[in-house]
Amino acid sequence: MPETLIIGGGPAGSAAAITLAQAGMRPQLIERHRTAPAGVCGGFLGWDAIAGLEELGVDPWKLGARPITRFRLSTPKRCIEASLPATAAGISRRTLDNALIEAAGNAGALVSRGRTVRAMDPETRTVRFDDGQDSAADAVFISVGKHELRGVGRDFSSSSVGLRTTLPPSHILHDALAGMVELHLFDRGYAGLLLQEDGSANLCLSVSRERLTEAGTVPSLIDQLRQEAPLLKARLEGASSCFDAVAGVPYGWRASVTHKGIFRTGDQSAVIASLAGDGIAIALASGTSAARAMLTGGPDAAPAWQRAWRRQCGMPVGIAEALRHGAAAPLSRSLLMTVLNCAPALGTSAAALTRIRRV
């Protein structure tokens, strides 16, 4: 029986694996992809995420991360720029996740790539793999991101749809996005743009299920956005019509309870809207924090840690949700932009208030 099993090799799972391995444990890290995919969400590293990576021995600047010092909010009628509270970074999830998994293996974790966990029994902490094999563990870290794992799925009533594509490098994009994260606000959703280490731009969109249903298809939705948002239309010039997608993104959700020996980390612990928050920071912080709880209190520490983590995420997630809802409706979006136009520093303060402090 493996002592500790970590399901998912994204930032949360890798952070937990590195922390446990550095303390002398030999956790088993299971990642379903043989090489890290691009990832529908992510790419923005806040200053707290950068600090978390450096504590784990991963230097994002050596991986080619692009520094970001400002943000731009854009609607069809107005564009506002302001400084971030500290230097952030843009990097592809493929580069970041591969570096983290490599660091986990170098630290001493047992890494299995290309293997999928299909289901889990939370009472016995027994998991079933795609080959039909069952395995139980003293402790299990559920770090499968925004996806659901049969037997331990999240309970939520409403959700959004996440879309992502890569825009090829160009002088126009480089000049427009250098040192910048750009956010486009539109009816019932938003889009984020930033430069990645290879000069390409990562474009992520979050839209309500209703809006996508009304559009019918993703290409139809993108056509609508081109008509609504001139600046976004310019950014999408020459872009591929192929978007990665993930449905059922429950922004604002936080795990409240768990079983003995089961630690829920990353998006399985709290889902923050990327409009103002930083999901990678939550992933890294939760993975590290849960691993430390495991090292201190063993598998029995899971329920108390989960409750404490829920409380810790309350204010940042709540503020990010208020901003997301405010940006989604025409009237409140107009009011938000008017306020920020008069006092851009309020946007800087909001970005600071949605940070997750590591414990």
Protein backbone atom coordinates (compact mmCIF):
# COMPACT_ATOMS: atom_id res chain seq x y z
CA MET A 1 0.00 0.00 0.00
CA PRO A 2 1.53 3.37 -1.00
CA GLU A 3 1.77 5.74 1.95
CA THR A 4 0.64 8.80 -0.03
CA LEU A 5 -0.96 8.98 -3.47
CA ILE A 6 -1.26 12.27 -5.36
CA ILE A 7 -3.73 12.31 -8.26
CA GLY A 8 -2.84 14.99 -10.77
CA GLY A 9 0.51 16.50 -11.75
CA GLY A 10 -0.55 20.11 -12.18
CA PRO A 11 0.78 22.88 -9.91
CA ALA A 12 -1.19 21.69 -6.85
CA GLY A 13 -0.23 18.03 -7.09
CA SER A 14 3.39 18.76 -7.94
CA ALA A 15 3.69 21.27 -5.09
CA ALA A 16 2.40 18.65 -2.66
CA ALA A 17 4.75 16.01 -4.09
CA ILE A 18 7.81 18.28 -3.86
CA THR A 19 7.01 19.34 -0.29
CA LEU A 20 6.49 15.75 0.90
CA ALA A 21 9.53 14.43 -0.95
CA GLN A 22 11.79 17.17 0.40
CA ALA A 23 10.74 16.07 3.90
CA GLY A 24 11.87 12.51 3.20
CA MET A 25 8.61 10.88 2.11
CA ARG A 26 8.18 8.98 -1.16
CA PRO A 27 4.75 10.08 -2.46
CA GLN A 28 3.44 8.55 -5.67
CA LEU A 29 2.39 11.23 -8.17
CA ILE A 30 -0.02 10.08 -10.90
CA GLU A 31 -0.40 12.27 -14.00
CA ARG A 32 -2.67 11.16 -16.85
CA HIS A 33 -0.73 13.03 -19.57
CA ARG A 34 2.68 11.79 -20.72
CA THR A 35 3.64 15.39 -21.42
CA ALA A 36 1.87 18.38 -19.95
CA PRO A 37 -0.88 19.85 -22.16
CA ALA A 38 -1.35 23.56 -22.81
CA GLY A 39 -4.06 23.77 -20.16
CA VAL A 40 -7.36 25.58 -20.63
CA CYS A 41 -6.79 27.84 -17.64
CA GLY A 42 -3.63 29.39 -16.31
CA GLY A 43 -0.63 31.19 -17.74
CA PHE A 44 -0.68 34.14 -15.32
CA LEU A 45 1.64 33.95 -12.32
CA GLY A 46 0.99 36.50 -9.60
CA TRP A 47 3.79 37.61 -7.28
CA ASP A 48 2.63 35.14 -4.63
CA ALA A 49 2.70 32.31 -7.19
CA ILE A 50 6.23 33.31 -8.20
CA ALA A 51 7.33 33.25 -4.56
CA GLY A 52 5.69 29.85 -4.10
CA LEU A 53 7.50 28.44 -7.12
CA GLU A 54 10.84 29.74 -5.92
CA GLU A 55 10.30 28.10 -2.52
CA LEU A 56 9.75 24.81 -4.35
CA GLY A 57 12.99 25.25 -6.27
CA VAL A 58 11.43 26.26 -9.60
CA ASP A 59 12.57 29.60 -11.07
CA PRO A 60 9.97 30.85 -13.58
CA TRP A 61 12.38 33.43 -14.98
CA LYS A 62 14.85 30.70 -15.95
CA LEU A 63 11.96 29.01 -17.78
CA GLY A 64 11.54 32.17 -19.87
CA ALA A 65 8.52 33.69 -18.10
CA ARG A 66 7.58 37.17 -19.37
CA PRO A 67 7.41 39.90 -16.70
CA ILE A 68 4.05 41.66 -16.26
CA THR A 69 3.80 44.93 -14.35
CA ARG A 70 0.49 46.41 -15.58
CA PHE A 71 -3.05 45.38 -16.44
CA ARG A 72 -5.45 46.73 -19.06
CA LEU A 73 -9.24 46.52 -18.75
CA SER A 74 -11.12 46.91 -22.01
CA THR A 75 -14.79 47.22 -22.93
CA PRO A 76 -16.25 48.28 -26.30
CA LYS A 77 -16.47 51.87 -25.01
CA ARG A 78 -13.51 52.31 -22.67
CA CYS A 79 -9.98 51.15 -21.93
CA ILE A 80 -8.22 51.58 -18.58
CA GLU A 81 -4.65 50.77 -17.54
CA ALA A 82 -3.10 50.56 -14.08
CA SER A 83 -0.09 49.07 -12.31
CA LEU A 84 -0.12 45.71 -10.59
CA PRO A 85 0.88 45.69 -6.90
CA ALA A 86 4.06 43.76 -7.79
CA THR A 87 5.69 42.07 -10.77
CA ALA A 88 3.77 39.10 -12.16
CA ALA A 89 4.65 36.79 -15.06
CA GLY A 90 3.25 35.05 -18.11
CA ILE A 91 4.22 31.47 -18.97
CA SER A 92 2.57 28.54 -20.71
CA ARG A 93 1.10 25.79 -18.58
CA ARG A 94 2.95 23.23 -20.66
CA THR A 95 6.34 24.68 -19.69
CA LEU A 96 5.37 25.30 -16.07
CA ASP A 97 3.73 21.93 -15.41
CA ASN A 98 6.59 19.98 -17.01
CA ALA A 99 9.11 21.85 -14.86
CA LEU A 100 7.12 21.17 -11.69
CA ILE A 101 6.72 17.46 -12.40
CA GLU A 102 10.45 17.21 -13.14
CA ALA A 103 11.19 18.96 -9.85
CA ALA A 104 8.92 16.50 -8.02
CA GLY A 105 10.81 13.56 -9.49
CA ASN A 106 14.17 15.13 -8.67
CA ALA A 107 13.03 15.67 -5.09
CA GLY A 108 12.29 11.95 -4.71
CA ALA A 109 8.62 11.55 -5.59
CA LEU A 110 7.63 8.44 -7.57
CA VAL A 111 6.19 9.91 -10.78
CA SER A 112 3.92 7.93 -13.11
CA ARG A 113 2.93 9.71 -16.33
CA GLY A 114 0.40 8.50 -18.87
CA ARG A 115 -1.72 6.72 -16.26
CA THR A 116 -5.27 7.73 -15.36
CA VAL A 117 -7.26 7.35 -12.15
CA ARG A 118 -10.89 6.70 -13.11
CA ALA A 119 -12.65 6.59 -9.74
CA MET A 120 -12.10 6.61 -6.01
CA ASP A 121 -13.81 5.24 -2.91
CA PRO A 122 -13.41 7.97 -0.27
CA GLU A 123 -14.16 5.65 2.64
CA THR A 124 -11.31 3.25 1.92
CA ARG A 125 -9.11 5.69 -0.08
CA THR A 126 -9.01 3.12 -2.86
CA VAL A 127 -8.52 4.33 -6.43
CA ARG A 128 -9.21 2.52 -9.68
CA PHE A 129 -6.86 3.03 -12.62
CA ASP A 130 -7.69 2.95 -16.31
CA ASP A 131 -6.27 -0.59 -16.55
CA GLY A 132 -8.74 -1.82 -13.92
CA GLN A 133 -6.15 -2.09 -11.15
CA ASP A 134 -7.13 -0.94 -7.65
CA SER A 135 -4.77 0.65 -5.15
CA ALA A 136 -5.31 2.04 -1.65
CA ALA A 137 -3.26 4.57 0.29
CA ASP A 138 -3.00 6.03 3.78
CA ALA A 139 -3.50 9.52 2.32
CA VAL A 140 -4.72 10.74 -1.06
CA PHE A 141 -4.30 14.23 -2.52
CA ILE A 142 -7.00 15.02 -5.08
CA SER A 143 -5.35 17.49 -7.45
CA VAL A 144 -7.20 16.92 -10.72
CA GLY A 145 -7.86 20.59 -11.47
CA LYS A 146 -11.25 21.53 -12.86
CA HIS A 147 -12.07 17.95 -13.85
CA GLU A 148 -14.24 15.63 -11.78
CA LEU A 149 -13.14 12.31 -10.30
CA ARG A 150 -15.88 9.70 -9.99
CA GLY A 151 -16.74 9.02 -6.36
CA VAL A 152 -15.38 12.32 -5.04
CA GLY A 153 -16.91 14.85 -7.44
CA ARG A 154 -17.56 18.42 -6.34
CA ASP A 155 -21.09 19.50 -5.43
CA PHE A 156 -22.02 22.74 -7.23
CA SER A 157 -25.13 24.11 -8.90
CA SER A 158 -23.87 26.67 -11.43
CA SER A 159 -20.80 26.86 -13.58
CA SER A 160 -19.13 28.60 -16.49
CA VAL A 161 -17.29 27.38 -19.58
CA GLY A 162 -13.57 27.98 -20.08
CA LEU A 163 -12.04 28.32 -23.55
CA ARG A 164 -8.40 28.73 -24.59
CA THR A 165 -6.29 29.15 -27.70
CA THR A 166 -2.78 30.29 -28.57
CA LEU A 167 -2.20 33.31 -30.79
CA PRO A 168 1.00 33.03 -32.87
CA PRO A 169 3.87 35.47 -32.21
CA SER A 170 3.64 38.81 -34.00
CA HIS A 171 5.14 42.28 -33.66
CA ILE A 172 1.65 43.70 -33.15
CA LEU A 173 0.89 41.42 -30.21
CA HIS A 174 4.34 41.91 -28.73
CA ASP A 175 4.04 45.70 -28.81
CA ALA A 176 0.48 45.61 -27.41
CA LEU A 177 1.06 43.08 -24.61
CA ALA A 178 4.67 43.60 -23.50
CA GLY A 179 4.62 43.86 -19.70
CA MET A 180 0.81 43.68 -19.72
CA VAL A 181 -2.06 41.36 -18.92
CA GLU A 182 -5.08 42.45 -20.94
CA LEU A 183 -8.65 41.76 -19.81
CA HIS A 184 -11.64 42.17 -22.11
CA LEU A 185 -15.05 42.50 -20.44
CA PHE A 186 -18.19 41.53 -22.34
CA ASP A 187 -21.73 40.41 -21.66
CA ARG A 188 -21.70 37.36 -19.33
CA GLY A 189 -17.99 36.72 -19.62
CA TYR A 190 -14.46 37.99 -20.06
CA ALA A 191 -11.22 37.19 -21.88
CA GLY A 192 -7.60 37.43 -20.77
CA LEU A 193 -4.49 37.86 -22.91
CA LEU A 194 -0.79 37.69 -22.04
CA LEU A 195 2.52 36.87 -23.70
CA GLN A 196 4.16 33.49 -23.08
CA GLU A 197 7.82 32.52 -23.01
CA ASP A 198 7.99 31.76 -26.75
CA GLY A 199 6.40 35.07 -27.82
CA SER A 200 2.98 33.58 -28.49
CA ALA A 201 -0.05 34.93 -26.64
CA ASN A 202 -2.30 32.87 -24.39
CA LEU A 203 -5.98 33.75 -24.81
CA CYS A 204 -8.40 32.43 -22.19
CA LEU A 205 -12.13 33.11 -22.14
CA SER A 206 -14.74 32.49 -19.48
CA VAL A 207 -18.40 32.61 -20.53
CA SER A 208 -21.66 31.57 -18.93
CA ARG A 209 -23.22 28.34 -20.14
CA GLU A 210 -26.30 30.30 -21.19
CA ARG A 211 -24.33 32.62 -23.45
CA LEU A 212 -22.58 29.71 -25.19
CA THR A 213 -25.89 27.87 -25.57
CA GLU A 214 -27.46 30.94 -27.16
CA ALA A 215 -24.55 31.26 -29.59
CA GLY A 216 -24.85 27.57 -30.49
CA THR A 217 -21.18 26.85 -31.14
CA VAL A 218 -17.79 28.16 -30.04
CA PRO A 219 -17.01 29.66 -33.51
CA SER A 220 -20.37 31.47 -33.44
CA LEU A 221 -19.60 32.84 -30.00
CA ILE A 222 -16.18 34.09 -31.15
CA ASP A 223 -17.83 35.77 -34.15
CA GLN A 224 -20.23 37.55 -31.78
CA LEU A 225 -17.36 38.76 -29.62
CA ARG A 226 -15.52 40.06 -32.67
CA GLN A 227 -18.56 42.18 -33.48
CA GLU A 228 -19.01 43.39 -29.88
CA ALA A 229 -15.41 44.16 -28.91
CA PRO A 230 -13.25 45.97 -31.52
CA LEU A 231 -10.01 45.62 -29.55
CA LEU A 232 -10.56 41.91 -28.99
CA LYS A 233 -11.33 41.57 -32.69
CA ALA A 234 -7.96 43.13 -33.49
CA ARG A 235 -6.20 40.72 -31.13
CA LEU A 236 -7.95 37.74 -32.77
CA GLU A 237 -6.77 38.71 -36.26
CA GLY A 238 -5.36 35.57 -37.86
CA ALA A 239 -6.19 33.44 -34.81
CA SER A 240 -7.13 29.79 -35.16
CA SER A 241 -10.80 28.93 -34.79
CA CYS A 242 -9.79 25.90 -32.71
CA PHE A 243 -10.28 26.41 -28.96
CA ASP A 244 -9.64 24.00 -26.10
CA ALA A 245 -12.60 23.90 -23.75
CA VAL A 246 -13.58 22.76 -20.29
CA ALA A 247 -17.17 22.88 -19.08
CA GLY A 248 -18.35 23.09 -15.50
CA VAL A 249 -16.00 25.70 -14.02
CA PRO A 250 -17.65 26.51 -10.65
CA TYR A 251 -16.20 29.93 -9.87
CA GLY A 252 -16.58 30.81 -6.20
CA TRP A 253 -16.80 27.17 -5.07
CA ARG A 254 -14.83 26.10 -1.99
CA ALA A 255 -14.55 22.61 -0.50
CA SER A 256 -16.14 22.49 2.96
CA VAL A 257 -15.64 18.93 4.18
CA THR A 258 -13.50 15.96 3.34
CA HIS A 259 -12.78 12.46 4.61
CA LYS A 260 -9.93 11.39 6.83
CA GLY A 261 -6.80 11.03 4.73
CA ILE A 262 -8.17 12.95 1.72
CA PHE A 263 -6.73 16.38 0.93
CA ARG A 264 -8.45 18.37 -1.83
CA THR A 265 -6.04 20.88 -3.41
CA GLY A 266 -6.00 23.39 -6.26
CA ASP A 267 -9.35 23.79 -8.02
CA GLN A 268 -10.58 20.86 -5.97
CA SER A 269 -10.25 23.09 -2.90
CA ALA A 270 -11.28 26.52 -4.21
CA VAL A 271 -12.01 28.00 -7.65
CA ILE A 272 -11.18 31.67 -8.06
CA ALA A 273 -12.18 33.75 -11.08
CA SER A 274 -9.09 34.54 -13.13
CA LEU A 275 -10.49 37.99 -13.91
CA ALA A 276 -9.00 39.16 -10.63
CA GLY A 277 -7.59 36.09 -8.91
CA ASP A 278 -4.78 33.67 -9.58
CA GLY A 279 -5.66 29.98 -9.77
CA ILE A 280 -2.03 28.89 -9.99
CA ALA A 281 -1.26 30.70 -6.74
CA ILE A 282 -4.12 28.83 -5.05
CA ALA A 283 -2.88 25.56 -6.52
CA LEU A 284 0.68 26.01 -5.32
CA ALA A 285 -0.31 27.33 -1.90
CA SER A 286 -2.91 24.64 -1.26
CA GLY A 287 -0.62 21.82 -2.36
CA THR A 288 2.21 23.07 -0.16
CA SER A 289 -0.07 23.79 2.80
CA ALA A 290 -1.84 20.41 2.62
CA ALA A 291 1.48 18.59 2.42
CA ARG A 292 2.74 20.42 5.51
CA ALA A 293 -0.46 19.46 7.35
CA MET A 294 0.14 15.85 6.34
CA LEU A 295 3.72 16.00 7.58
CA THR A 296 2.61 17.48 10.90
CA GLY A 297 -0.57 15.56 11.65
CA GLY A 298 -0.65 12.64 9.24
CA PRO A 299 -3.81 11.54 7.34
CA ASP A 300 -6.01 12.52 10.31
CA ALA A 301 -5.15 16.18 9.66
CA ALA A 302 -7.12 16.33 6.38
CA PRO A 303 -10.59 17.42 7.64
CA ALA A 304 -9.25 20.21 9.88
CA TRP A 305 -6.88 21.42 7.17
CA GLN A 306 -9.70 21.50 4.60
CA ARG A 307 -11.87 23.64 6.87
CA ALA A 308 -8.99 26.01 7.59
CA TRP A 309 -8.16 26.32 3.90
CA ARG A 310 -11.79 27.10 3.09
CA ARG A 311 -11.70 29.96 5.60
CA GLN A 312 -8.41 31.25 4.27
CA CYS A 313 -9.77 31.38 0.71
CA GLY A 314 -13.01 33.07 1.72
CA MET A 315 -12.13 36.74 1.27
CA PRO A 316 -9.99 36.47 -1.91
CA VAL A 317 -12.50 34.20 -3.65
CA GLY A 318 -15.43 36.34 -2.52
CA ILE A 319 -13.87 39.57 -3.80
CA ALA A 320 -12.98 37.94 -7.12
CA GLU A 321 -16.58 36.72 -7.45
CA ALA A 322 -17.96 40.19 -6.77
CA LEU A 323 -15.71 41.62 -9.49
CA ARG A 324 -16.64 38.83 -11.91
CA HIS A 325 -20.37 39.38 -11.44
CA GLY A 326 -19.91 43.13 -11.63
CA ALA A 327 -18.10 42.81 -14.96
CA ALA A 328 -20.68 40.43 -16.45
CA ALA A 329 -23.72 42.74 -16.56
CA PRO A 330 -23.86 45.93 -18.68
CA LEU A 331 -24.97 48.34 -15.92
CA SER A 332 -22.56 47.19 -13.22
CA ARG A 333 -19.76 46.84 -15.81
CA SER A 334 -20.25 50.46 -16.86
CA LEU A 335 -20.21 51.57 -13.23
CA LEU A 336 -17.07 49.52 -12.55
CA MET A 337 -15.24 51.09 -15.49
CA THR A 338 -16.36 54.60 -14.49
CA VAL A 339 -15.01 54.13 -10.97
CA LEU A 340 -11.72 52.69 -12.20
CA ASN A 341 -11.36 55.44 -14.77
CA CYS A 342 -11.53 58.00 -11.96
CA ALA A 343 -9.33 56.00 -9.58
CA PRO A 344 -7.19 53.37 -11.36
CA ALA A 345 -5.41 52.66 -8.07
CA LEU A 346 -8.58 50.89 -6.89
CA GLY A 347 -7.90 48.23 -9.51
CA THR A 348 -4.40 47.81 -8.10
CA SER A 349 -5.85 47.41 -4.60
CA ALA A 350 -8.42 44.87 -5.81
CA ALA A 351 -5.65 42.77 -7.36
CA ALA A 352 -3.84 42.78 -4.00
CA LEU A 353 -6.97 41.79 -2.06
CA THR A 354 -7.55 38.67 -4.15
CA ARG A 355 -4.18 37.12 -3.29
CA ILE A 356 -3.93 33.86 -1.37
CA ARG A 357 -1.43 34.07 1.46
CA ARG A 358 0.50 30.86 2.00
CA VAL A 359 0.42 29.16 5.40
